[in-house]
Protein backbone atom coordinates (compact mmCIF):
# COMPACT_ATOMS: atom_id res chain seq x y z
CA MET A 1 -0.14 0.11 0.06
CA LEU A 2 1.52 3.41 -0.88
CA ILE A 3 1.18 4.00 3.57
CA ASP A 4 3.81 1.41 3.36
CA ASP A 5 5.65 2.65 0.53
CA LEU A 6 6.06 6.19 2.27
CA LYS A 7 6.87 4.48 5.45
CA ASN A 8 9.75 2.40 3.83
CA LEU A 9 11.45 4.74 1.37
CA LYS A 10 14.90 5.03 1.61
CA ASN A 11 16.44 7.28 -0.58
CA ALA A 12 13.87 10.53 0.75
CA THR A 13 15.17 14.30 0.80
CA TYR A 14 14.73 16.32 3.66
CA GLN A 15 11.48 18.18 1.86
CA GLU A 16 10.01 14.69 1.43
CA GLN A 17 10.32 13.52 4.50
CA GLY A 18 8.64 16.43 5.86
CA ILE A 19 5.60 15.50 3.01
CA ILE A 20 5.82 11.94 3.95
CA ASN A 21 5.57 12.40 7.82
CA TYR A 22 2.49 14.99 7.23
CA LEU A 23 0.86 12.67 5.36
CA LEU A 24 0.89 9.93 7.66
CA LYS A 25 -0.42 11.69 10.21
CA HIS A 26 -2.82 13.72 8.56
CA PRO A 27 -4.04 10.62 5.72
CA GLU A 28 -7.19 12.17 5.40
CA VAL A 29 -6.19 15.96 3.95
CA VAL A 30 -5.22 14.40 0.49
CA GLN A 31 -8.84 13.96 -0.68
CA ASN A 32 -9.58 17.52 -1.03
CA ALA A 33 -5.86 19.07 -1.58
CA SER A 34 -4.07 19.71 -4.58
CA ALA A 35 -0.35 19.15 -5.15
CA THR A 36 0.00 22.81 -4.44
CA ASP A 37 -2.32 22.61 -1.29
CA ILE A 38 0.03 19.93 -0.06
CA ALA A 39 3.04 21.75 -0.73
CA ILE A 40 2.17 24.96 1.41
CA LEU A 41 0.77 22.66 4.51
CA THR A 42 4.42 21.32 4.67
CA TYR A 43 6.37 24.09 3.51
CA THR A 44 7.49 22.97 0.28
CA SER A 45 6.60 22.81 -3.66
CA ALA A 46 4.06 21.47 -5.94
CA SER A 47 7.49 19.74 -7.80
CA THR A 48 8.76 18.19 -4.57
CA VAL A 49 5.15 16.62 -4.17
CA VAL A 50 4.98 15.52 -7.48
CA ARG A 51 8.72 14.32 -7.52
CA LEU A 52 7.75 11.86 -4.05
CA CYS A 53 4.39 10.62 -5.90
CA LYS A 54 7.28 9.31 -8.36
CA LYS A 55 9.36 7.72 -6.45
CA ILE A 56 7.08 5.57 -5.10
CA GLY A 57 5.78 4.39 -8.73
CA MET A 58 3.06 6.82 -9.08
CA ALA A 59 2.50 8.47 -12.61
CA GLY A 60 2.12 11.73 -10.70
CA TYR A 61 0.43 13.57 -8.00
CA PRO A 62 -3.42 13.04 -9.63
CA ASP A 63 -2.02 9.08 -9.85
CA PHE A 64 -1.27 9.46 -5.69
CA LYS A 65 -4.20 10.66 -4.78
CA MET A 66 -6.93 8.62 -6.11
CA ARG A 67 -4.91 5.64 -5.26
CA TRP A 68 -4.01 6.99 -2.23
CA VAL A 69 -8.07 8.08 -1.12
CA GLN A 70 -9.17 4.37 -2.49
CA GLU A 71 -6.43 2.56 0.18
CA LEU A 72 -7.71 5.01 3.19
CA ASN A 73 -11.37 4.15 2.14
CA SER A 74 -10.42 0.61 2.41
CA LEU A 75 -8.49 1.11 5.69
CA ASN A 76 -11.61 2.67 7.31
CA ALA A 77 -13.60 0.02 6.39
CA GLN A 78 -11.08 -1.88 7.76
CA ILE A 79 -10.72 -4.14 4.60
CA TYR A 80 -7.23 -4.66 5.29
CA ILE A 81 -4.53 -5.47 8.05
CA ASP A 82 -1.08 -3.66 8.86
CA THR A 83 1.29 -7.03 7.72
CA SER A 84 4.02 -5.09 9.06
CA GLN A 85 2.86 -5.75 12.39
CA GLU A 86 2.67 -8.40 14.40
CA LEU A 87 -0.60 -10.12 13.41
CA ILE A 88 -1.04 -12.87 16.17
CA HIS A 89 -0.94 -11.65 19.74
CA LYS A 90 -0.92 -13.94 23.42
CA ASP A 91 -4.40 -12.68 24.64
CA ASP A 92 -6.28 -13.16 20.80
CA THR A 93 -9.48 -15.22 20.99
CA VAL A 94 -10.91 -17.22 18.67
CA SER A 95 -13.30 -14.35 17.42
CA SER A 96 -10.41 -11.75 16.89
CA ILE A 97 -8.57 -14.56 14.43
CA LEU A 98 -11.69 -15.06 12.66
CA ASP A 99 -11.56 -11.36 12.26
CA SER A 100 -8.19 -10.45 11.49
CA MET A 101 -7.73 -13.57 9.07
CA PRO A 102 -9.75 -12.45 6.15
CA LYS A 103 -8.29 -8.79 6.81
CA PHE A 104 -4.38 -10.47 6.59
CA TYR A 105 -5.32 -12.34 3.11
CA ASN A 106 -7.33 -8.88 1.63
CA LYS A 107 -3.91 -7.40 2.64
CA VAL A 108 -1.72 -10.09 1.00
CA ILE A 109 -3.87 -10.20 -2.16
CA TYR A 110 -3.98 -6.88 -2.83
CA GLU A 111 -0.06 -6.05 -2.30
CA THR A 112 0.61 -9.27 -5.13
CA ASN A 113 -1.86 -7.52 -7.22
CA ARG A 114 0.24 -4.40 -6.64
CA LEU A 115 3.61 -6.08 -7.71
CA LEU A 116 2.21 -7.83 -10.66
CA ASN A 117 3.40 -6.27 -14.08
CA ARG A 118 0.79 -6.21 -16.41
CA GLY A 119 2.90 -6.65 -19.41
CA ALA A 120 4.78 -9.60 -17.45
CA LEU A 121 1.24 -11.26 -16.96
CA ARG A 122 0.52 -11.14 -20.75
CA LYS A 123 3.80 -12.42 -21.88
CA THR A 124 3.39 -15.37 -19.74
CA ILE A 125 -0.30 -16.19 -21.50
CA GLN A 126 1.25 -15.80 -24.75
CA PHE A 127 4.08 -18.23 -23.62
CA MET A 128 1.50 -20.79 -21.54
CA ASN A 129 -1.26 -20.20 -24.95
CA ARG A 130 1.70 -21.58 -27.24
CA ALA A 131 2.85 -24.28 -24.87
CA GLU A 132 1.69 -28.32 -25.11
CA ILE A 133 3.54 -28.60 -22.30
CA ILE A 134 3.80 -26.60 -18.91
CA ASN A 135 6.75 -27.79 -16.38
CA ILE A 136 6.31 -26.03 -12.99
CA TYR A 137 9.59 -26.14 -11.11
CA GLY A 138 10.02 -25.83 -7.02
CA SER A 139 12.03 -27.36 -4.25
CA SER A 140 10.71 -27.93 -0.89
CA VAL A 141 7.55 -26.30 -0.44
CA ASN A 142 7.57 -24.66 -3.64
CA TYR A 143 7.53 -28.30 -4.89
CA GLU A 144 3.97 -28.97 -3.39
CA ALA A 145 2.69 -25.34 -4.77
CA ALA A 146 4.07 -26.73 -8.21
CA LYS A 147 2.29 -30.35 -8.04
CA SER A 148 -0.83 -28.08 -6.96
CA ALA A 149 -0.75 -25.63 -10.21
CA SER A 150 0.36 -28.59 -12.53
CA TYR A 151 -2.65 -30.45 -11.64
CA ASN A 152 -4.90 -27.07 -12.15
CA PHE A 153 -3.76 -26.52 -15.70
CA SER A 154 -3.86 -30.13 -16.48
CA THR A 155 -7.70 -29.72 -16.01
CA LEU A 156 -7.62 -27.17 -18.64
CA GLY A 157 -6.07 -29.74 -20.82
CA TYR A 158 -2.27 -29.04 -20.62
CA THR A 159 -0.06 -31.58 -20.13
CA SER A 160 1.84 -29.97 -16.62
CA ASN A 161 4.68 -31.53 -14.76
CA ALA A 162 5.68 -30.85 -11.51
CA PHE A 163 9.68 -31.06 -11.08
CA HIS A 164 11.62 -30.25 -7.95
CA SER A 165 15.01 -30.85 -9.32
CA ASN A 166 17.09 -31.17 -12.12
CA ASN A 167 16.84 -33.79 -14.98
CA VAL A 168 19.30 -32.24 -17.88
CA GLN A 169 18.63 -35.66 -20.03
CA TYR A 170 14.33 -35.31 -19.79
CA ILE A 171 15.01 -31.49 -20.49
CA HIS A 172 17.49 -31.98 -23.28
CA ASN A 173 15.14 -35.06 -25.01
CA ILE A 174 11.77 -32.98 -24.40
CA SER A 175 13.00 -29.81 -26.11
CA LYS A 176 13.98 -31.97 -29.48
CA ARG A 177 10.72 -33.55 -29.51
CA TYR A 178 8.40 -30.25 -28.70
CA PRO A 179 10.17 -27.66 -29.92
CA GLY A 180 8.64 -24.48 -29.42
CA LYS A 181 6.17 -25.95 -27.53
CA ILE A 182 6.94 -25.96 -23.94
CA THR A 183 6.85 -23.46 -21.32
CA ALA A 184 8.65 -23.50 -18.05
CA LEU A 185 7.88 -21.76 -14.53
CA LEU A 186 10.56 -21.50 -11.87
CA ILE A 187 9.74 -21.11 -8.10
CA SER A 188 12.23 -19.27 -5.47
CA HIS A 189 11.57 -17.52 -2.80
CA THR A 190 14.79 -15.69 -2.90
CA GLY A 191 15.62 -16.05 -6.40
CA GLU A 192 19.03 -17.97 -5.42
CA ASN A 193 18.35 -21.07 -5.21
CA PRO A 194 21.07 -22.98 -6.07
CA GLU A 195 18.78 -26.01 -7.74
CA MET A 196 16.86 -23.89 -9.27
CA ILE A 197 19.45 -21.81 -10.89
CA GLN A 198 20.88 -25.18 -12.56
CA VAL A 199 17.53 -26.15 -13.62
CA PHE A 200 17.27 -22.92 -15.07
CA ASN A 201 20.55 -22.47 -16.86
CA ASN A 202 19.81 -26.02 -18.92
CA LEU A 203 16.37 -24.69 -19.65
CA LYS A 204 18.00 -22.03 -21.20
CA LYS A 205 20.43 -24.04 -23.07
CA VAL A 206 18.17 -25.23 -24.98
CA SER A 207 15.84 -22.38 -25.43
CA ILE A 208 13.04 -23.08 -23.40
CA PRO A 209 11.00 -19.92 -22.11
CA CYS A 210 11.23 -19.52 -18.70
CA VAL A 211 8.75 -17.74 -16.27
CA VAL A 212 10.40 -16.80 -12.76
CA ILE A 213 8.33 -16.18 -9.97
CA SER A 214 10.15 -14.94 -7.25
CA GLY A 215 9.98 -12.06 -4.34
CA ASN A 216 13.22 -10.48 -5.23
CA PRO A 217 13.65 -8.84 -8.06
CA ASP A 218 17.40 -8.29 -8.10
CA SER A 219 18.08 -11.97 -7.74
CA TYR A 220 20.04 -13.90 -10.48
CA LEU A 221 16.69 -15.98 -11.34
CA ALA A 222 14.67 -12.46 -11.44
CA THR A 223 17.42 -10.75 -13.85
CA LYS A 224 17.93 -13.49 -16.18
CA ALA A 225 14.18 -14.52 -16.75
CA ASP A 226 11.90 -14.55 -20.11
CA VAL A 227 9.56 -13.36 -17.89
CA PHE A 228 9.44 -12.42 -14.26
CA LEU A 229 6.34 -12.20 -11.70
CA ARG A 230 7.22 -10.66 -8.25
CA LEU A 231 5.80 -12.21 -5.16
CA TYR A 232 4.50 -10.28 -1.72
CA LEU A 233 6.72 -11.18 1.08
CA THR A 234 7.08 -10.20 4.78
CA GLU A 235 10.16 -11.16 6.67
CA ASN A 236 8.79 -11.19 10.57
CA ILE A 237 7.31 -14.48 11.48
CA MET A 238 5.00 -12.57 13.79
CA SER A 239 3.46 -11.20 10.99
CA LEU A 240 3.02 -14.84 9.62
CA SER A 241 5.95 -14.42 6.39
CA ASN A 242 5.39 -18.13 5.40
CA ILE A 243 1.62 -17.86 5.05
CA THR A 244 2.18 -14.42 3.33
CA TYR A 245 4.15 -16.28 0.49
CA LYS A 246 2.26 -19.22 0.12
CA ILE A 247 -0.79 -17.05 -0.54
CA SER A 248 0.83 -14.93 -2.62
CA LEU A 249 2.47 -17.53 -4.55
CA ASN A 250 -1.00 -19.47 -4.82
CA TYR A 251 -2.41 -16.43 -5.92
CA ILE A 252 -0.02 -15.71 -8.90
CA PHE A 253 -1.10 -19.16 -10.07
CA ASP A 254 -4.81 -18.60 -9.57
CA ILE A 255 -4.67 -15.69 -11.65
CA LEU A 256 -2.87 -17.61 -14.65
CA TYR A 257 -5.33 -20.58 -14.38
CA ALA A 258 -7.91 -17.92 -14.86
CA LEU A 259 -6.32 -16.04 -17.78
CA LEU A 260 -5.90 -19.53 -19.33
CA PHE A 261 -9.56 -20.07 -18.92
CA LYS A 262 -10.74 -17.02 -20.19
CA ASP A 263 -8.35 -17.18 -23.55
CA ASP A 264 -9.79 -20.88 -24.26
CA PHE A 265 -13.24 -19.61 -22.78
CA ASP A 266 -16.06 -21.57 -25.52
CA PHE A 267 -13.76 -24.56 -25.15
CA GLN A 268 -13.79 -24.67 -21.59
CA THR A 269 -17.18 -23.73 -20.87
CA GLN A 270 -19.08 -26.33 -23.28
CA ASN A 271 -16.84 -29.18 -22.15
CA ALA A 272 -17.81 -28.00 -18.20
CA LEU A 273 -21.37 -28.46 -19.28
CA LYS A 274 -20.49 -32.02 -21.40
CA ASN A 275 -19.21 -33.08 -18.28
CA PHE A 276 -21.62 -32.37 -16.25
CA ILE A 277 -24.45 -33.41 -18.24
CA PHE A 278 -22.40 -37.08 -18.20
CA SER A 279 -22.17 -36.88 -14.61
CA ILE A 280 -25.92 -36.72 -14.65
CA GLU A 281 -26.24 -39.70 -16.90
CA GLU A 282 -23.92 -41.41 -14.67
CA THR A 283 -26.29 -41.37 -11.69
CA LEU A 284 -29.51 -42.22 -13.81
């Protein structure tokens, strides 16, 4: 969220930090204020306000204002929860956990959405639509996510496999048998997993497109990939960082599934209807 972006901004100037402090203390001011109004209130300039907006990824102040008001309204409606804080407390009750967890999920999904590059998603779907085989690679807990995603893609009619280790012979042989018809998705929390780097390098040797899903945009895998999809991560175990990672990863796979379904909508809906009729006939 923009509030988090402002709190975590590392390269703010003295004037920009003054604006940040004011907005965090008086978040409601933005709704009815122009960039010039904010500048007057913070003893800065409108250009400094605009520069700050651009530093946190906004196109300018109007873009910042629209997003800020949307997020503030959501926070006031208590749709989200602050994942930078401890989410579980010793005196929590069943009711308080049931109240906070949906807000936690909403926050993780919102942040993952914010980090996902639309162009990267479109390019990923282009690769996947051209493919006959979608192979997903991940080690440890990522392998479990890979298996789940592989199953979901297979229900759409794709040949999809999950792997947790490198197999040079398989990669070489399948690239010869299905040239230009394979897409690989690699999962790595840090983007620096040695096993996944080895897999990646072998895939690239035979020109298989690689989509990397990771939380680290500066990692080896992220910077070398054909497409990079960014996960939302938190670092504190008390903010449920392990669950944050799982929600964000599964959400990305769900988005890819939905986009593939949309691109093949007529076939998928007709096939679903046929399966439904068949299941009814089986019970008669």
